[in-house]
Amino acid sequence: MSNKVHILFIFVLLISTSACRQDNTANDSDYPFIVEGELPASPPAIELITDAANDLAERENVRINEVTFVALELPVWSDTSYGCPDPETAYLFTPKEGYKIQLRVNGRDFFYHGGEDIEQFLCENN
């Protein structure tokens, strides 16, 4: 399965599930990161969050258990910048369904953006 098809598949599963964790028996120790916000019930969404947390831990030179999950949003981005425009780049003004993962390390918030035809990335413009 190509990477773009895989990302699209995960995105469709993410959108088709509830935005709130439905398994109230799960606890924070079930995840490699700290949980502050409500986790989605979707395993593919958890995988996206875990991938973002691993990436952030590596970038910030911390262990993944020092990364806090804060929130997951499912915006419709107004253009192909996916909510993270670069002033030097032109974008198509076409709505794009996507997601935004908010993580925290040492009191600083980080945002990972992604969507229907793009791999998630750290948005450094927030």
PDB file of N, CA and C in Angstrom:
ATOM      1  N   MET A   1       0.860  -1.178   0.000  1.00  0.00           N
ATOM      2  CA  MET A   1       0.000   0.000   0.000  1.00  0.00           C
ATOM      3  C   MET A   1       0.900   1.233   0.000  1.00  0.00           C
ATOM      4  N   SER A   2       0.657   2.154  -0.937  1.00  0.00           N
ATOM      5  CA  SER A   2       1.486   3.351  -0.996  1.00  0.00           C
ATOM      6  C   SER A   2       1.283   4.197   0.254  1.00  0.00           C
ATOM      7  N   ASN A   3       2.275   5.023   0.533  1.00  0.00           N
ATOM      8  CA  ASN A   3       2.228   5.856   1.737  1.00  0.00           C
ATOM      9  C   ASN A   3       1.027   6.797   1.714  1.00  0.00           C
ATOM     10  N   LYS A   4       0.725   7.398   0.549  1.00  0.00           N
ATOM     11  CA  LYS A   4      -0.415   8.313   0.466  1.00  0.00           C
ATOM     12  C   LYS A   4      -1.732   7.575   0.692  1.00  0.00           C
ATOM     13  N   VAL A   5      -1.855   6.384   0.133  1.00  0.00           N
ATOM     14  CA  VAL A   5      -3.074   5.599   0.331  1.00  0.00           C
ATOM     15  C   VAL A   5      -3.195   5.207   1.796  1.00  0.00           C
ATOM     16  N   HIS A   6      -2.069   4.840   2.413  1.00  0.00           N
ATOM     17  CA  HIS A   6      -2.066   4.473   3.834  1.00  0.00           C
ATOM     18  C   HIS A   6      -2.512   5.659   4.694  1.00  0.00           C
ATOM     19  N   ILE A   7      -1.977   6.838   4.414  1.00  0.00           N
ATOM     20  CA  ILE A   7      -2.357   8.031   5.171  1.00  0.00           C
ATOM     21  C   ILE A   7      -3.840   8.332   4.966  1.00  0.00           C
ATOM     22  N   LEU A   8      -4.329   8.215   3.726  1.00  0.00           N
ATOM     23  CA  LEU A   8      -5.744   8.461   3.455  1.00  0.00           C
ATOM     24  C   LEU A   8      -6.610   7.466   4.211  1.00  0.00           C
ATOM     25  N   PHE A   9      -6.200   6.197   4.220  1.00  0.00           N
ATOM     26  CA  PHE A   9      -6.945   5.168   4.940  1.00  0.00           C
ATOM     27  C   PHE A   9      -7.016   5.503   6.432  1.00  0.00           C
ATOM     28  N   ILE A  10      -5.893   5.870   7.014  1.00  0.00           N
ATOM     29  CA  ILE A  10      -5.867   6.237   8.434  1.00  0.00           C
ATOM     30  C   ILE A  10      -6.754   7.455   8.669  1.00  0.00           C
ATOM     31  N   PHE A  11      -6.686   8.419   7.768  1.00  0.00           N
ATOM     32  CA  PHE A  11      -7.486   9.629   7.929  1.00  0.00           C
ATOM     33  C   PHE A  11      -8.978   9.320   7.893  1.00  0.00           C
ATOM     34  N   VAL A  12      -9.405   8.466   6.952  1.00  0.00           N
ATOM     35  CA  VAL A  12     -10.822   8.103   6.864  1.00  0.00           C
ATOM     36  C   VAL A  12     -11.262   7.403   8.142  1.00  0.00           C
ATOM     37  N   LEU A  13     -10.435   6.504   8.657  1.00  0.00           N
ATOM     38  CA  LEU A  13     -10.774   5.840   9.911  1.00  0.00           C
ATOM     39  C   LEU A  13     -10.840   6.833  11.062  1.00  0.00           C
ATOM     40  N   LEU A  14      -9.928   7.776  11.067  1.00  0.00           N
ATOM     41  CA  LEU A  14      -9.914   8.797  12.116  1.00  0.00           C
ATOM     42  C   LEU A  14     -11.199   9.616  12.092  1.00  0.00           C
ATOM     43  N   ILE A  15     -11.606  10.044  10.916  1.00  0.00           N
ATOM     44  CA  ILE A  15     -12.809  10.860  10.783  1.00  0.00           C
ATOM     45  C   ILE A  15     -14.059  10.059  11.133  1.00  0.00           C
ATOM     46  N   SER A  16     -14.051   8.769  10.821  1.00  0.00           N
ATOM     47  CA  SER A  16     -15.262   7.973  11.021  1.00  0.00           C
ATOM     48  C   SER A  16     -15.467   7.533  12.464  1.00  0.00           C
ATOM     49  N   THR A  17     -14.533   7.837  13.327  1.00  0.00           N
ATOM     50  CA  THR A  17     -14.682   7.450  14.729  1.00  0.00           C
ATOM     51  C   THR A  17     -15.006   8.654  15.582  1.00  0.00           C
ATOM     52  N   SER A  18     -15.428   8.393  16.759  1.00  0.00           N
ATOM     53  CA  SER A  18     -15.728   9.453  17.723  1.00  0.00           C
ATOM     54  C   SER A  18     -14.454  10.198  18.063  1.00  0.00           C
ATOM     55  N   ALA A  19     -14.587  11.471  18.365  1.00  0.00           N
ATOM     56  CA  ALA A  19     -13.426  12.273  18.757  1.00  0.00           C
ATOM     57  C   ALA A  19     -13.080  12.083  20.223  1.00  0.00           C
ATOM     58  N   CYS A  20     -13.853  11.313  20.941  1.00  0.00           N
ATOM     59  CA  CYS A  20     -13.604  11.098  22.361  1.00  0.00           C
ATOM     60  C   CYS A  20     -13.331   9.632  22.633  1.00  0.00           C
ATOM     61  N   ARG A  21     -12.476   9.385  23.595  1.00  0.00           N
ATOM     62  CA  ARG A  21     -12.183   8.016  23.984  1.00  0.00           C
ATOM     63  C   ARG A  21     -13.442   7.401  24.578  1.00  0.00           C
ATOM     64  N   GLN A  22     -13.835   6.245  24.049  1.00  0.00           N
ATOM     65  CA  GLN A  22     -15.040   5.593  24.528  1.00  0.00           C
ATOM     66  C   GLN A  22     -14.730   4.489  25.523  1.00  0.00           C
ATOM     67  N   ASP A  23     -13.505   4.013  25.535  1.00  0.00           N
ATOM     68  CA  ASP A  23     -13.126   2.941  26.441  1.00  0.00           C
ATOM     69  C   ASP A  23     -12.683   3.554  27.761  1.00  0.00           C
ATOM     70  N   ASN A  24     -13.603   3.688  28.685  1.00  0.00           N
ATOM     71  CA  ASN A  24     -13.288   4.328  29.958  1.00  0.00           C
ATOM     72  C   ASN A  24     -12.417   3.465  30.856  1.00  0.00           C
ATOM     73  N   THR A  25     -12.156   2.216  30.456  1.00  0.00           N
ATOM     74  CA  THR A  25     -11.293   1.360  31.258  1.00  0.00           C
ATOM     75  C   THR A  25      -9.822   1.605  30.953  1.00  0.00           C
ATOM     76  N   ALA A  26      -9.535   2.251  29.838  1.00  0.00           N
ATOM     77  CA  ALA A  26      -8.144   2.541  29.503  1.00  0.00           C
ATOM     78  C   ALA A  26      -7.626   3.612  30.450  1.00  0.00           C
ATOM     79  N   ASN A  27      -6.328   3.554  30.718  1.00  0.00           N
ATOM     80  CA  ASN A  27      -5.745   4.594  31.559  1.00  0.00           C
ATOM     81  C   ASN A  27      -4.459   5.091  30.937  1.00  0.00           C
ATOM     82  N   ASP A  28      -3.912   6.130  31.518  1.00  0.00           N
ATOM     83  CA  ASP A  28      -2.740   6.770  30.942  1.00  0.00           C
ATOM     84  C   ASP A  28      -1.568   5.820  30.757  1.00  0.00           C
ATOM     85  N   SER A  29      -1.455   4.801  31.584  1.00  0.00           N
ATOM     86  CA  SER A  29      -0.322   3.879  31.468  1.00  0.00           C
ATOM     87  C   SER A  29      -0.439   2.981  30.243  1.00  0.00           C
ATOM     88  N   ASP A  30      -1.584   3.031  29.545  1.00  0.00           N
ATOM     89  CA  ASP A  30      -1.752   2.255  28.318  1.00  0.00           C
ATOM     90  C   ASP A  30      -1.014   2.888  27.138  1.00  0.00           C
ATOM     91  N   TYR A  31      -0.474   4.087  27.301  1.00  0.00           N
ATOM     92  CA  TYR A  31       0.149   4.827  26.217  1.00  0.00           C
ATOM     93  C   TYR A  31       1.569   5.212  26.607  1.00  0.00           C
ATOM     94  N   PRO A  32       2.469   5.361  25.616  1.00  0.00           N
ATOM     95  CA  PRO A  32       3.860   5.700  25.938  1.00  0.00           C
ATOM     96  C   PRO A  32       4.055   7.168  26.291  1.00  0.00           C
ATOM     97  N   PHE A  33       3.026   7.985  26.114  1.00  0.00           N
ATOM     98  CA  PHE A  33       3.096   9.418  26.389  1.00  0.00           C
ATOM     99  C   PHE A  33       2.122   9.756  27.515  1.00  0.00           C
ATOM    100  N   ILE A  34       2.240  10.957  28.052  1.00  0.00           N
ATOM    101  CA  ILE A  34       1.329  11.429  29.099  1.00  0.00           C
ATOM    102  C   ILE A  34       0.024  11.865  28.432  1.00  0.00           C
ATOM    103  N   VAL A  35      -1.093  11.527  29.040  1.00  0.00           N
ATOM    104  CA  VAL A  35      -2.400  11.885  28.479  1.00  0.00           C
ATOM    105  C   VAL A  35      -3.042  12.963  29.341  1.00  0.00           C
ATOM    106  N   GLU A  36      -3.255  14.134  28.735  1.00  0.00           N
ATOM    107  CA  GLU A  36      -3.951  15.229  29.416  1.00  0.00           C
ATOM    108  C   GLU A  36      -5.336  15.430  28.803  1.00  0.00           C
ATOM    109  N   GLY A  37      -5.423  15.366  27.480  1.00  0.00           N
ATOM    110  CA  GLY A  37      -6.692  15.561  26.780  1.00  0.00           C
ATOM    111  C   GLY A  37      -7.414  14.246  26.571  1.00  0.00           C
ATOM    112  N   GLU A  38      -8.594  14.324  25.948  1.00  0.00           N
ATOM    113  CA  GLU A  38      -9.366  13.124  25.656  1.00  0.00           C
ATOM    114  C   GLU A  38      -8.827  12.473  24.392  1.00  0.00           C
ATOM    115  N   LEU A  39      -8.448  11.215  24.522  1.00  0.00           N
ATOM    116  CA  LEU A  39      -7.945  10.471  23.377  1.00  0.00           C
ATOM    117  C   LEU A  39      -9.100   9.957  22.533  1.00  0.00           C
ATOM    118  N   PRO A  40      -8.906   9.887  21.217  1.00  0.00           N
ATOM    119  CA  PRO A  40      -9.930   9.287  20.372  1.00  0.00           C
ATOM    120  C   PRO A  40      -9.974   7.779  20.590  1.00  0.00           C
ATOM    121  N   ALA A  41     -11.081   7.165  20.232  1.00  0.00           N
ATOM    122  CA  ALA A  41     -11.235   5.721  20.387  1.00  0.00           C
ATOM    123  C   ALA A  41     -10.568   4.956  19.249  1.00  0.00           C
ATOM    124  N   SER A  42     -10.223   5.625  18.196  1.00  0.00           N
ATOM    125  CA  SER A  42      -9.706   5.004  16.985  1.00  0.00           C
ATOM    126  C   SER A  42      -8.233   4.606  17.110  1.00  0.00           C
ATOM    127  N   PRO A  43      -7.912   3.308  16.944  1.00  0.00           N
ATOM    128  CA  PRO A  43      -6.501   2.895  16.958  1.00  0.00           C
ATOM    129  C   PRO A  43      -5.649   3.628  15.916  1.00  0.00           C
ATOM    130  N   PRO A  44      -6.144   3.882  14.680  1.00  0.00           N
ATOM    131  CA  PRO A  44      -5.317   4.650  13.749  1.00  0.00           C
ATOM    132  C   PRO A  44      -5.019   6.063  14.248  1.00  0.00           C
ATOM    133  N   ALA A  45      -5.964   6.683  14.943  1.00  0.00           N
ATOM    134  CA  ALA A  45      -5.717   8.016  15.498  1.00  0.00           C
ATOM    135  C   ALA A  45      -4.661   7.946  16.595  1.00  0.00           C
ATOM    136  N   ILE A  46      -4.738   6.921  17.431  1.00  0.00           N
ATOM    137  CA  ILE A  46      -3.723   6.726  18.478  1.00  0.00           C
ATOM    138  C   ILE A  46      -2.352   6.538  17.835  1.00  0.00           C
ATOM    139  N   GLU A  47      -2.319   5.821  16.710  1.00  0.00           N
ATOM    140  CA  GLU A  47      -1.056   5.617  16.001  1.00  0.00           C
ATOM    141  C   GLU A  47      -0.490   6.948  15.504  1.00  0.00           C
ATOM    142  N   LEU A  48      -1.342   7.819  14.964  1.00  0.00           N
ATOM    143  CA  LEU A  48      -0.885   9.138  14.514  1.00  0.00           C
ATOM    144  C   LEU A  48      -0.342   9.960  15.678  1.00  0.00           C
ATOM    145  N   ILE A  49      -1.026   9.915  16.807  1.00  0.00           N
ATOM    146  CA  ILE A  49      -0.584  10.651  18.000  1.00  0.00           C
ATOM    147  C   ILE A  49       0.745  10.095  18.498  1.00  0.00           C
ATOM    148  N   THR A  50       0.863   8.780  18.531  1.00  0.00           N
ATOM    149  CA  THR A  50       2.106   8.144  18.979  1.00  0.00           C
ATOM    150  C   THR A  50       3.260   8.496  18.048  1.00  0.00           C
ATOM    151  N   ASP A  51       3.016   8.483  16.735  1.00  0.00           N
ATOM    152  CA  ASP A  51       4.060   8.866  15.778  1.00  0.00           C
ATOM    153  C   ASP A  51       4.509  10.308  16.008  1.00  0.00           C
ATOM    154  N   ALA A  52       3.549  11.201  16.230  1.00  0.00           N
ATOM    155  CA  ALA A  52       3.888  12.605  16.489  1.00  0.00           C
ATOM    156  C   ALA A  52       4.676  12.736  17.792  1.00  0.00           C
ATOM    157  N   ALA A  53       4.251  12.020  18.827  1.00  0.00           N
ATOM    158  CA  ALA A  53       4.944  12.077  20.123  1.00  0.00           C
ATOM    159  C   ALA A  53       6.368  11.541  20.003  1.00  0.00           C
ATOM    160  N   ASN A  54       6.559  10.467  19.250  1.00  0.00           N
ATOM    161  CA  ASN A  54       7.909   9.932  19.027  1.00  0.00           C
ATOM    162  C   ASN A  54       8.781  10.942  18.294  1.00  0.00           C
ATOM    163  N   ASP A  55       8.224  11.569  17.256  1.00  0.00           N
ATOM    164  CA  ASP A  55       8.972  12.566  16.498  1.00  0.00           C
ATOM    165  C   ASP A  55       9.362  13.744  17.388  1.00  0.00           C
ATOM    166  N   LEU A  56       8.413  14.219  18.184  1.00  0.00           N
ATOM    167  CA  LEU A  56       8.692  15.357  19.061  1.00  0.00           C
ATOM    168  C   LEU A  56       9.725  15.004  20.125  1.00  0.00           C
ATOM    169  N   ALA A  57       9.631  13.821  20.691  1.00  0.00           N
ATOM    170  CA  ALA A  57      10.611  13.394  21.699  1.00  0.00           C
ATOM    171  C   ALA A  57      12.016  13.403  21.108  1.00  0.00           C
ATOM    172  N   GLU A  58      12.128  12.918  19.873  1.00  0.00           N
ATOM    173  CA  GLU A  58      13.436  12.907  19.216  1.00  0.00           C
ATOM    174  C   GLU A  58      13.925  14.333  18.947  1.00  0.00           C
ATOM    175  N   ARG A  59      13.054  15.185  18.451  1.00  0.00           N
ATOM    176  CA  ARG A  59      13.433  16.576  18.150  1.00  0.00           C
ATOM    177  C   ARG A  59      13.858  17.341  19.405  1.00  0.00           C
ATOM    178  N   GLU A  60      13.154  17.096  20.510  1.00  0.00           N
ATOM    179  CA  GLU A  60      13.406  17.835  21.749  1.00  0.00           C
ATOM    180  C   GLU A  60      14.378  17.114  22.681  1.00  0.00           C
ATOM    181  N   ASN A  61      14.873  15.967  22.232  1.00  0.00           N
ATOM    182  CA  ASN A  61      15.844  15.186  22.998  1.00  0.00           C
ATOM    183  C   ASN A  61      15.321  14.828  24.390  1.00  0.00           C
ATOM    184  N   VAL A  62      14.078  14.311  24.412  1.00  0.00           N
ATOM    185  CA  VAL A  62      13.466  13.830  25.651  1.00  0.00           C
ATOM    186  C   VAL A  62      12.924  12.426  25.394  1.00  0.00           C
ATOM    187  N   ARG A  63      12.561  11.740  26.461  1.00  0.00           N
ATOM    188  CA  ARG A  63      11.914  10.430  26.314  1.00  0.00           C
ATOM    189  C   ARG A  63      10.446  10.651  25.974  1.00  0.00           C
ATOM    190  N   ILE A  64       9.849   9.684  25.294  1.00  0.00           N
ATOM    191  CA  ILE A  64       8.446   9.827  24.896  1.00  0.00           C
ATOM    192  C   ILE A  64       7.534   9.975  26.112  1.00  0.00           C
ATOM    193  N   ASN A  65       7.926   9.398  27.245  1.00  0.00           N
ATOM    194  CA  ASN A  65       7.070   9.523  28.434  1.00  0.00           C
ATOM    195  C   ASN A  65       7.155  10.913  29.069  1.00  0.00           C
ATOM    196  N   GLU A  66       7.905  11.819  28.442  1.00  0.00           N
ATOM    197  CA  GLU A  66       7.937  13.219  28.862  1.00  0.00           C
ATOM    198  C   GLU A  66       7.096  14.103  27.941  1.00  0.00           C
ATOM    199  N   VAL A  67       6.494  13.495  26.924  1.00  0.00           N
ATOM    200  CA  VAL A  67       5.634  14.205  25.974  1.00  0.00           C
ATOM    201  C   VAL A  67       4.189  14.059  26.443  1.00  0.00           C
ATOM    202  N   THR A  68       3.455  15.165  26.459  1.00  0.00           N
ATOM    203  CA  THR A  68       2.054  15.160  26.881  1.00  0.00           C
ATOM    204  C   THR A  68       1.140  15.375  25.684  1.00  0.00           C
ATOM    205  N   PHE A  69       0.159  14.483  25.529  1.00  0.00           N
ATOM    206  CA  PHE A  69      -0.898  14.684  24.536  1.00  0.00           C
ATOM    207  C   PHE A  69      -1.917  15.635  25.145  1.00  0.00           C
ATOM    208  N   VAL A  70      -2.225  16.726  24.431  1.00  0.00           N
ATOM    209  CA  VAL A  70      -3.149  17.742  24.933  1.00  0.00           C
ATOM    210  C   VAL A  70      -4.489  17.679  24.212  1.00  0.00           C
ATOM    211  N   ALA A  71      -4.461  17.638  22.886  1.00  0.00           N
ATOM    212  CA  ALA A  71      -5.729  17.687  22.151  1.00  0.00           C
ATOM    213  C   ALA A  71      -5.567  17.189  20.725  1.00  0.00           C
ATOM    214  N   LEU A  72      -6.689  16.766  20.176  1.00  0.00           N
ATOM    215  CA  LEU A  72      -6.796  16.411  18.762  1.00  0.00           C
ATOM    216  C   LEU A  72      -7.986  17.172  18.203  1.00  0.00           C
ATOM    217  N   GLU A  73      -7.752  17.911  17.136  1.00  0.00           N
ATOM    218  CA  GLU A  73      -8.824  18.635  16.449  1.00  0.00           C
ATOM    219  C   GLU A  73      -8.934  18.092  15.035  1.00  0.00           C
ATOM    220  N   LEU A  74     -10.128  18.193  14.461  1.00  0.00           N
ATOM    221  CA  LEU A  74     -10.374  17.733  13.097  1.00  0.00           C
ATOM    222  C   LEU A  74     -10.901  18.894  12.248  1.00  0.00           C
ATOM    223  N   PRO A  75     -10.042  19.859  11.929  1.00  0.00           N
ATOM    224  CA  PRO A  75     -10.496  21.018  11.163  1.00  0.00           C
ATOM    225  C   PRO A  75     -10.621  20.709   9.672  1.00  0.00           C
ATOM    226  N   VAL A  76     -11.335  21.563   8.980  1.00  0.00           N
ATOM    227  CA  VAL A  76     -11.283  21.593   7.525  1.00  0.00           C
ATOM    228  C   VAL A  76     -10.399  22.799   7.201  1.00  0.00           C
ATOM    229  N   TRP A  77      -9.201  22.511   6.715  1.00  0.00           N
ATOM    230  CA  TRP A  77      -8.256  23.584   6.408  1.00  0.00           C
ATOM    231  C   TRP A  77      -8.757  24.343   5.183  1.00  0.00           C
ATOM    232  N   SER A  78      -8.532  25.635   5.132  1.00  0.00           N
ATOM    233  CA  SER A  78      -9.040  26.464   4.033  1.00  0.00           C
ATOM    234  C   SER A  78      -8.216  26.344   2.756  1.00  0.00           C
ATOM    235  N   ASP A  79      -7.002  25.815   2.886  1.00  0.00           N
ATOM    236  CA  ASP A  79      -6.146  25.691   1.706  1.00  0.00           C
ATOM    237  C   ASP A  79      -5.149  24.555   1.909  1.00  0.00           C
ATOM    238  N   THR A  80      -4.277  24.380   0.932  1.00  0.00           N
ATOM    239  CA  THR A  80      -3.331  23.266   0.969  1.00  0.00           C
ATOM    240  C   THR A  80      -2.132  23.510   1.877  1.00  0.00           C
ATOM    241  N   SER A  81      -2.152  24.581   2.649  1.00  0.00           N
ATOM    242  CA  SER A  81      -1.103  24.775   3.660  1.00  0.00           C
ATOM    243  C   SER A  81      -1.406  23.956   4.908  1.00  0.00           C
ATOM    244  N   TYR A  82      -2.605  23.420   4.991  1.00  0.00           N
ATOM    245  CA  TYR A  82      -3.055  22.636   6.149  1.00  0.00           C
ATOM    246  C   TYR A  82      -2.857  23.401   7.455  1.00  0.00           C
ATOM    247  N   GLY A  83      -3.167  24.696   7.408  1.00  0.00           N
ATOM    248  CA  GLY A  83      -3.119  25.502   8.620  1.00  0.00           C
ATOM    249  C   GLY A  83      -1.735  25.940   9.039  1.00  0.00           C
ATOM    250  N   CYS A  84      -0.756  25.719   8.181  1.00  0.00           N
ATOM    251  CA  CYS A  84       0.625  26.064   8.523  1.00  0.00           C
ATOM    252  C   CYS A  84       1.294  26.732   7.318  1.00  0.00           C
ATOM    253  N   PRO A  85       0.842  27.933   6.971  1.00  0.00           N
ATOM    254  CA  PRO A  85       1.360  28.563   5.757  1.00  0.00           C
ATOM    255  C   PRO A  85       2.798  29.054   5.884  1.00  0.00           C
ATOM    256  N   ASP A  86       3.519  28.915   4.792  1.00  0.00           N
ATOM    257  CA  ASP A  86       4.855  29.474   4.643  1.00  0.00           C
ATOM    258  C   ASP A  86       4.686  30.704   3.754  1.00  0.00           C
ATOM    259  N   PRO A  87       5.117  31.876   4.212  1.00  0.00           N
ATOM    260  CA  PRO A  87       4.915  33.100   3.425  1.00  0.00           C
ATOM    261  C   PRO A  87       5.535  33.042   2.023  1.00  0.00           C
ATOM    262  N   GLU A  88       6.507  32.177   1.823  1.00  0.00           N
ATOM    263  CA  GLU A  88       7.195  32.076   0.535  1.00  0.00           C
ATOM    264  C   GLU A  88       6.533  31.085  -0.421  1.00  0.00           C
ATOM    265  N   THR A  89       5.444  30.458  -0.008  1.00  0.00           N
ATOM    266  CA  THR A  89       4.812  29.409  -0.805  1.00  0.00           C
ATOM    267  C   THR A  89       3.396  29.806  -1.192  1.00  0.00           C
ATOM    268  N   ALA A  90       3.015  29.484  -2.428  1.00  0.00           N
ATOM    269  CA  ALA A  90       1.639  29.705  -2.888  1.00  0.00           C
ATOM    270  C   ALA A  90       0.836  28.430  -2.629  1.00  0.00           C
ATOM    271  N   TYR A  91      -0.411  28.581  -2.237  1.00  0.00           N
ATOM    272  CA  TYR A  91      -1.268  27.443  -1.908  1.00  0.00           C
ATOM    273  C   TYR A  91      -2.560  27.501  -2.704  1.00  0.00           C
ATOM    274  N   LEU A  92      -3.132  26.340  -2.953  1.00  0.00           N
ATOM    275  CA  LEU A  92      -4.445  26.254  -3.584  1.00  0.00           C
ATOM    276  C   LEU A  92      -5.510  26.513  -2.530  1.00  0.00           C
ATOM    277  N   PHE A  93      -6.442  27.386  -2.836  1.00  0.00           N
ATOM    278  CA  PHE A  93      -7.535  27.670  -1.905  1.00  0.00           C
ATOM    279  C   PHE A  93      -8.663  26.683  -2.151  1.00  0.00           C
ATOM    280  N   THR A  94      -8.476  25.523  -1.601  1.00  0.00           N
ATOM    281  CA  THR A  94      -9.464  24.464  -1.693  1.00  0.00           C
ATOM    282  C   THR A  94      -9.564  23.809  -0.325  1.00  0.00           C
ATOM    283  N   PRO A  95     -10.759  23.601   0.179  1.00  0.00           N
ATOM    284  CA  PRO A  95     -10.900  23.006   1.515  1.00  0.00           C
ATOM    285  C   PRO A  95     -10.256  21.621   1.589  1.00  0.00           C
ATOM    286  N   LYS A  96      -9.550  21.376   2.672  1.00  0.00           N
ATOM    287  CA  LYS A  96      -8.887  20.094   2.901  1.00  0.00           C
ATOM    288  C   LYS A  96      -9.222  19.614   4.305  1.00  0.00           C
ATOM    289  N   GLU A  97      -9.800  18.424   4.395  1.00  0.00           N
ATOM    290  CA  GLU A  97     -10.057  17.855   5.716  1.00  0.00           C
ATOM    291  C   GLU A  97      -8.732  17.439   6.325  1.00  0.00           C
ATOM    292  N   GLY A  98      -8.599  17.649   7.616  1.00  0.00           N
ATOM    293  CA  GLY A  98      -7.333  17.338   8.244  1.00  0.00           C
ATOM    294  C   GLY A  98      -7.451  17.129   9.731  1.00  0.00           C
ATOM    295  N   TYR A  99      -6.302  17.133  10.368  1.00  0.00           N
ATOM    296  CA  TYR A  99      -6.251  16.985  11.816  1.00  0.00           C
ATOM    297  C   TYR A  99      -5.096  17.805  12.360  1.00  0.00           C
ATOM    298  N   LYS A 100      -5.199  18.123  13.633  1.00  0.00           N
ATOM    299  CA  LYS A 100      -4.161  18.889  14.331  1.00  0.00           C
ATOM    300  C   LYS A 100      -3.988  18.253  15.705  1.00  0.00           C
ATOM    301  N   ILE A 101      -2.779  17.810  15.980  1.00  0.00           N
ATOM    302  CA  ILE A 101      -2.443  17.173  17.254  1.00  0.00           C
ATOM    303  C   ILE A 101      -1.640  18.177  18.076  1.00  0.00           C
ATOM    304  N   GLN A 102      -2.095  18.443  19.278  1.00  0.00           N
ATOM    305  CA  GLN A 102      -1.371  19.343  20.180  1.00  0.00           C
ATOM    306  C   GLN A 102      -0.643  18.501  21.220  1.00  0.00           C
ATOM    307  N   LEU A 103       0.672  18.689  21.292  1.00  0.00           N
ATOM    308  CA  LEU A 103       1.519  18.003  22.265  1.00  0.00           C
ATOM    309  C   LEU A 103       2.252  19.055  23.088  1.00  0.00           C
ATOM    310  N   ARG A 104       2.756  18.645  24.236  1.00  0.00           N
ATOM    311  CA  ARG A 104       3.473  19.574  25.113  1.00  0.00           C
ATOM    312  C   ARG A 104       4.721  18.891  25.664  1.00  0.00           C
ATOM    313  N   VAL A 105       5.820  19.648  25.677  1.00  0.00           N
ATOM    314  CA  VAL A 105       7.074  19.208  26.298  1.00  0.00           C
ATOM    315  C   VAL A 105       7.628  20.383  27.083  1.00  0.00           C
ATOM    316  N   ASN A 106       7.936  20.149  28.350  1.00  0.00           N
ATOM    317  CA  ASN A 106       8.525  21.186  29.201  1.00  0.00           C
ATOM    318  C   ASN A 106       7.738  22.497  29.154  1.00  0.00           C
ATOM    319  N   GLY A 107       6.417  22.411  29.170  1.00  0.00           N
ATOM    320  CA  GLY A 107       5.569  23.590  29.197  1.00  0.00           C
ATOM    321  C   GLY A 107       5.388  24.295  27.864  1.00  0.00           C
ATOM    322  N   ARG A 108       5.976  23.774  26.814  1.00  0.00           N
ATOM    323  CA  ARG A 108       5.882  24.390  25.485  1.00  0.00           C
ATOM    324  C   ARG A 108       4.990  23.537  24.589  1.00  0.00           C
ATOM    325  N   ASP A 109       4.049  24.170  23.897  1.00  0.00           N
ATOM    326  CA  ASP A 109       3.124  23.453  23.022  1.00  0.00           C
ATOM    327  C   ASP A 109       3.677  23.329  21.608  1.00  0.00           C
ATOM    328  N   PHE A 110       3.382  22.176  20.998  1.00  0.00           N
ATOM    329  CA  PHE A 110       3.780  21.869  19.629  1.00  0.00           C
ATOM    330  C   PHE A 110       2.553  21.341  18.904  1.00  0.00           C
ATOM    331  N   PHE A 111       2.456  21.645  17.605  1.00  0.00           N
ATOM    332  CA  PHE A 111       1.290  21.252  16.830  1.00  0.00           C
ATOM    333  C   PHE A 111       1.714  20.476  15.591  1.00  0.00           C
ATOM    334  N   TYR A 112       1.151  19.288  15.451  1.00  0.00           N
ATOM    335  CA  TYR A 112       1.357  18.464  14.265  1.00  0.00           C
ATOM    336  C   TYR A 112       0.092  18.545  13.427  1.00  0.00           C
ATOM    337  N   HIS A 113       0.273  18.865  12.144  1.00  0.00           N
ATOM    338  CA  HIS A 113      -0.848  18.986  11.221  1.00  0.00           C
ATOM    339  C   HIS A 113      -0.762  17.858  10.198  1.00  0.00           C
ATOM    340  N   GLY A 114      -1.896  17.459   9.685  1.00  0.00           N
ATOM    341  CA  GLY A 114      -1.939  16.447   8.643  1.00  0.00           C
ATOM    342  C   GLY A 114      -3.288  16.476   7.973  1.00  0.00           C
ATOM    343  N   GLY A 115      -3.438  15.619   6.976  1.00  0.00           N
ATOM    344  CA  GLY A 115      -4.712  15.605   6.287  1.00  0.00           C
ATOM    345  C   GLY A 115      -4.818  14.543   5.240  1.00  0.00           C
ATOM    346  N   GLU A 116      -5.827  14.723   4.395  1.00  0.00           N
ATOM    347  CA  GLU A 116      -6.231  13.682   3.472  1.00  0.00           C
ATOM    348  C   GLU A 116      -5.177  13.318   2.442  1.00  0.00           C
ATOM    349  N   ASP A 117      -4.303  14.224   2.073  1.00  0.00           N
ATOM    350  CA  ASP A 117      -3.299  13.863   1.069  1.00  0.00           C
ATOM    351  C   ASP A 117      -1.903  14.376   1.431  1.00  0.00           C
ATOM    352  N   ILE A 118      -1.633  14.415   2.729  1.00  0.00           N
ATOM    353  CA  ILE A 118      -0.320  14.856   3.192  1.00  0.00           C
ATOM    354  C   ILE A 118       0.024  14.123   4.488  1.00  0.00           C
ATOM    355  N   GLU A 119       1.298  13.773   4.622  1.00  0.00           N
ATOM    356  CA  GLU A 119       1.740  13.163   5.877  1.00  0.00           C
ATOM    357  C   GLU A 119       1.780  14.239   6.958  1.00  0.00           C
ATOM    358  N   GLN A 120       1.596  13.816   8.199  1.00  0.00           N
ATOM    359  CA  GLN A 120       1.634  14.804   9.274  1.00  0.00           C
ATOM    360  C   GLN A 120       3.021  15.418   9.389  1.00  0.00           C
ATOM    361  N   PHE A 121       3.033  16.655   9.869  1.00  0.00           N
ATOM    362  CA  PHE A 121       4.287  17.387  10.008  1.00  0.00           C
ATOM    363  C   PHE A 121       4.173  18.330  11.195  1.00  0.00           C
ATOM    364  N   LEU A 122       5.319  18.686  11.746  1.00  0.00           N
ATOM    365  CA  LEU A 122       5.364  19.660  12.831  1.00  0.00           C
ATOM    366  C   LEU A 122       5.197  21.044  12.225  1.00  0.00           C
ATOM    367  N   CYS A 123       4.164  21.750  12.649  1.00  0.00           N
ATOM    368  CA  CYS A 123       3.934  23.119  12.171  1.00  0.00           C
ATOM    369  C   CYS A 123       4.725  24.048  13.081  1.00  0.00           C
ATOM    370  N   GLU A 124       5.733  24.660  12.529  1.00  0.00           N
ATOM    371  CA  GLU A 124       6.598  25.516  13.336  1.00  0.00           C
ATOM    372  C   GLU A 124       6.188  26.979  13.261  1.00  0.00           C
ATOM    373  N   ASN A 125       5.037  27.270  12.646  1.00  0.00           N
ATOM    374  CA  ASN A 125       4.550  28.647  12.508  1.00  0.00           C
ATOM    375  C   ASN A 125       3.540  29.024  13.574  1.00  0.00           C
ATOM    376  N   ASN A 126       3.231  28.160  14.522  1.00  0.00           N
ATOM    377  CA  ASN A 126       2.187  28.460  15.518  1.00  0.00           C
ATOM    378  C   ASN A 126       2.697  29.397  16.580  1.00  0.00           C
TER     379      ASN A 126
END
